[in-house]
Amino acid sequence: MWRIWLQFDIRRVLVGLHVVLALLAFTIHFLLLSTERYNWLDNHPDAKPAASAMIEQPETPTLS
């Protein structure tokens, strides 16, 4: 295993690893912010969750 590190520079590998993990973290956080349920910036105390709003609405019969 130690011979692998003779081929690669450990500093470049660690910097690359940190860059990839930071990009992954930003991607996950921006994906969560784009959803209505997990957006923690636009949550208002009087706002209802989407699932409970759908359950509480009564069905209106249609006349055909």
C-alpha atoms as a PDB file:
ATOM      1  CA  MET A   1       0.000   0.000   0.000  1.00  0.00           C
ATOM      2  CA  TRP A   2       2.809   2.418   0.767  1.00  0.00           C
ATOM      3  CA  ARG A   3       4.124   2.063  -2.796  1.00  0.00           C
ATOM      4  CA  ILE A   4       0.959   3.665  -4.168  1.00  0.00           C
ATOM      5  CA  TRP A   5       1.843   6.927  -2.418  1.00  0.00           C
ATOM      6  CA  LEU A   6       5.187   6.932  -4.204  1.00  0.00           C
ATOM      7  CA  GLN A   7       3.226   7.477  -7.432  1.00  0.00           C
ATOM      8  CA  PHE A   8       0.922  10.234  -6.107  1.00  0.00           C
ATOM      9  CA  ASP A   9       1.615  13.472  -4.276  1.00  0.00           C
ATOM     10  CA  ILE A  10      -0.285  13.278  -0.984  1.00  0.00           C
ATOM     11  CA  ARG A  11      -0.932  17.037  -0.910  1.00  0.00           C
ATOM     12  CA  ARG A  12      -2.603  17.012  -4.315  1.00  0.00           C
ATOM     13  CA  VAL A  13      -4.669  13.971  -3.398  1.00  0.00           C
ATOM     14  CA  LEU A  14      -5.896  15.553  -0.158  1.00  0.00           C
ATOM     15  CA  VAL A  15      -6.674  18.894  -1.826  1.00  0.00           C
ATOM     16  CA  GLY A  16      -8.565  17.076  -4.583  1.00  0.00           C
ATOM     17  CA  LEU A  17     -10.466  15.019  -2.028  1.00  0.00           C
ATOM     18  CA  HIS A  18     -11.485  18.136  -0.096  1.00  0.00           C
ATOM     19  CA  VAL A  19     -12.600  19.899  -3.282  1.00  0.00           C
ATOM     20  CA  VAL A  20     -14.733  16.926  -4.338  1.00  0.00           C
ATOM     21  CA  LEU A  21     -16.311  16.604  -0.890  1.00  0.00           C
ATOM     22  CA  ALA A  22     -17.033  20.351  -0.742  1.00  0.00           C
ATOM     23  CA  LEU A  23     -18.699  20.232  -4.170  1.00  0.00           C
ATOM     24  CA  LEU A  24     -20.764  17.245  -3.058  1.00  0.00           C
ATOM     25  CA  ALA A  25     -21.840  19.038   0.126  1.00  0.00           C
ATOM     26  CA  PHE A  26     -22.823  22.204  -1.776  1.00  0.00           C
ATOM     27  CA  THR A  27     -24.755  20.156  -4.314  1.00  0.00           C
ATOM     28  CA  ILE A  28     -26.693  18.311  -1.623  1.00  0.00           C
ATOM     29  CA  HIS A  29     -27.491  21.519   0.265  1.00  0.00           C
ATOM     30  CA  PHE A  30     -28.653  23.367  -2.860  1.00  0.00           C
ATOM     31  CA  LEU A  31     -30.811  20.404  -3.858  1.00  0.00           C
ATOM     32  CA  LEU A  32     -32.426  20.444  -0.428  1.00  0.00           C
ATOM     33  CA  LEU A  33     -32.954  24.206  -0.624  1.00  0.00           C
ATOM     34  CA  SER A  34     -34.739  23.792  -3.938  1.00  0.00           C
ATOM     35  CA  THR A  35     -37.396  21.526  -2.400  1.00  0.00           C
ATOM     36  CA  GLU A  36     -40.455  22.893  -0.648  1.00  0.00           C
ATOM     37  CA  ARG A  37     -40.267  20.522   2.322  1.00  0.00           C
ATOM     38  CA  TYR A  38     -36.584  20.883   3.251  1.00  0.00           C
ATOM     39  CA  ASN A  39     -36.047  24.586   2.471  1.00  0.00           C
ATOM     40  CA  TRP A  40     -35.081  25.935   5.880  1.00  0.00           C
ATOM     41  CA  LEU A  41     -34.659  29.521   4.653  1.00  0.00           C
ATOM     42  CA  ASP A  42     -38.243  30.151   3.490  1.00  0.00           C
ATOM     43  CA  ASN A  43     -40.089  28.367   6.298  1.00  0.00           C
ATOM     44  CA  HIS A  44     -42.670  30.628   7.872  1.00  0.00           C
ATOM     45  CA  PRO A  45     -44.318  29.791  11.205  1.00  0.00           C
ATOM     46  CA  ASP A  46     -47.829  30.110   9.740  1.00  0.00           C
ATOM     47  CA  ALA A  47     -47.112  28.047   6.621  1.00  0.00           C
ATOM     48  CA  LYS A  48     -48.619  24.584   6.396  1.00  0.00           C
ATOM     49  CA  PRO A  49     -46.677  21.623   5.062  1.00  0.00           C
ATOM     50  CA  ALA A  50     -47.759  20.514   1.609  1.00  0.00           C
ATOM     51  CA  ALA A  51     -48.804  17.020   2.718  1.00  0.00           C
ATOM     52  CA  SER A  52     -51.200  18.176   5.450  1.00  0.00           C
ATOM     53  CA  ALA A  53     -52.682  20.813   3.150  1.00  0.00           C
ATOM     54  CA  MET A  54     -53.541  18.089   0.668  1.00  0.00           C
ATOM     55  CA  ILE A  55     -55.155  15.889   3.333  1.00  0.00           C
ATOM     56  CA  GLU A  56     -57.339  18.616   4.847  1.00  0.00           C
ATOM     57  CA  GLN A  57     -58.928  19.758   1.583  1.00  0.00           C
ATOM     58  CA  PRO A  58     -62.323  18.135   1.059  1.00  0.00           C
ATOM     59  CA  GLU A  59     -63.143  16.611  -2.270  1.00  0.00           C
ATOM     60  CA  THR A  60     -65.743  18.535  -4.240  1.00  0.00           C
ATOM     61  CA  PRO A  61     -68.141  16.365  -6.214  1.00  0.00           C
ATOM     62  CA  THR A  62     -68.344  17.173  -9.884  1.00  0.00           C
ATOM     63  CA  LEU A  63     -71.678  17.314 -11.637  1.00  0.00           C
ATOM     64  CA  SER A  64     -71.708  15.632 -14.985  1.00  0.00           C
END
